[in-house]
Protein backbone atom coordinates (compact mmCIF):
# COMPACT_ATOMS: atom_id res chain seq x y z
CA MET A 1 0.27 -0.17 0.41
CA VAL A 2 1.51 3.89 -1.01
CA PRO A 3 1.36 6.23 1.82
CA PRO A 4 -1.03 9.08 0.77
CA ASN A 5 1.21 12.58 0.07
CA THR A 6 0.81 13.50 3.71
CA SER A 7 2.99 17.11 2.16
CA ASN A 8 -0.48 20.01 2.29
CA ILE A 9 -0.60 18.15 6.17
CA LYS A 10 0.41 20.10 9.84
CA PHE A 11 -0.34 19.57 13.11
CA VAL A 12 0.64 22.89 14.91
CA GLY A 13 -0.58 22.04 18.41
CA ARG A 14 -2.28 24.04 20.58
CA LYS A 15 -2.31 28.27 19.54
CA ASP A 16 -3.97 31.32 20.61
CA GLU A 17 -7.05 32.73 18.99
CA GLU A 18 -5.05 34.91 16.84
CA GLU A 19 -2.83 32.18 15.40
CA LEU A 20 -5.92 29.83 15.10
CA ILE A 21 -8.06 33.08 13.21
CA TYR A 22 -4.79 33.06 11.25
CA LEU A 23 -4.70 29.18 10.77
CA LEU A 24 -8.22 28.89 9.82
CA GLN A 25 -8.55 31.70 7.18
CA ASN A 26 -5.66 30.04 5.43
CA ALA A 27 -6.64 26.30 5.46
CA LYS A 28 -8.18 25.07 2.68
CA SER A 29 -10.15 22.72 5.23
CA LEU A 30 -9.83 21.92 8.37
CA ILE A 31 -9.65 17.60 8.99
CA PHE A 32 -11.81 16.78 12.91
CA CYS A 33 -11.41 13.36 13.65
CA GLY A 34 -13.11 14.24 17.14
CA GLU A 35 -16.98 13.42 18.54
CA GLU A 36 -19.00 15.86 20.84
CA ASP A 37 -22.07 16.83 21.51
CA PHE A 38 -21.52 20.53 20.42
CA GLY A 39 -17.78 20.59 18.79
CA ILE A 40 -16.86 24.67 18.25
CA VAL A 41 -13.81 23.80 16.09
CA PRO A 42 -15.68 22.73 13.17
CA ILE A 43 -18.25 25.56 14.01
CA GLU A 44 -15.24 28.26 13.80
CA SER A 45 -14.32 26.58 10.29
CA PHE A 46 -18.05 27.16 9.00
CA ALA A 47 -17.54 31.24 10.04
CA ALA A 48 -14.25 30.68 8.22
CA GLY A 49 -15.84 29.90 5.37
CA LYS A 50 -13.84 26.66 5.47
CA PRO A 51 -15.19 23.00 4.69
CA VAL A 52 -14.93 20.40 6.91
CA PHE A 53 -14.13 17.12 6.76
CA ALA A 54 -15.44 15.27 9.61
CA TYR A 55 -16.46 11.63 11.68
CA TYR A 56 -19.99 11.34 11.68
CA GLY A 57 -21.10 11.06 15.00
CA GLY A 58 -21.76 13.73 18.18
CA GLY A 59 -23.85 16.67 17.22
CA LEU A 60 -22.03 18.12 13.94
CA LYS A 61 -24.31 15.23 12.72
CA GLU A 62 -27.01 18.01 13.03
CA THR A 63 -24.74 21.65 12.75
CA MET A 64 -22.76 20.13 9.02
CA LEU A 65 -24.86 20.29 5.80
CA PRO A 66 -23.18 17.21 4.36
CA LYS A 67 -21.79 18.04 0.49
CA VAL A 68 -22.57 21.93 1.13
CA THR A 69 -20.19 22.90 4.19
CA GLY A 70 -18.16 19.83 4.28
CA ASP A 71 -18.25 16.20 4.42
CA PHE A 72 -18.10 12.81 6.75
CA PHE A 73 -16.52 9.62 7.39
CA TYR A 74 -17.72 6.62 8.85
CA ASP A 75 -14.91 5.08 9.78
CA LYS A 76 -11.93 6.11 11.66
CA ASN A 77 -9.41 3.85 10.36
């Protein structure tokens, strides 16, 4: 199996508010693997006009419009 090209993916860790805003505004999209009752990070990404690719679970099922504001994946493997 050939590993995917991950040269454009960055794990940035914890950031302060200004850095987070800059990163979201300049990102192509957000990958959200969590399962929360209400995830604020995807909502912030929507506010920045960026799509979210997220695990199908938690409150995001109620706030994301598939194929409009992002899309879901169903297996975390």
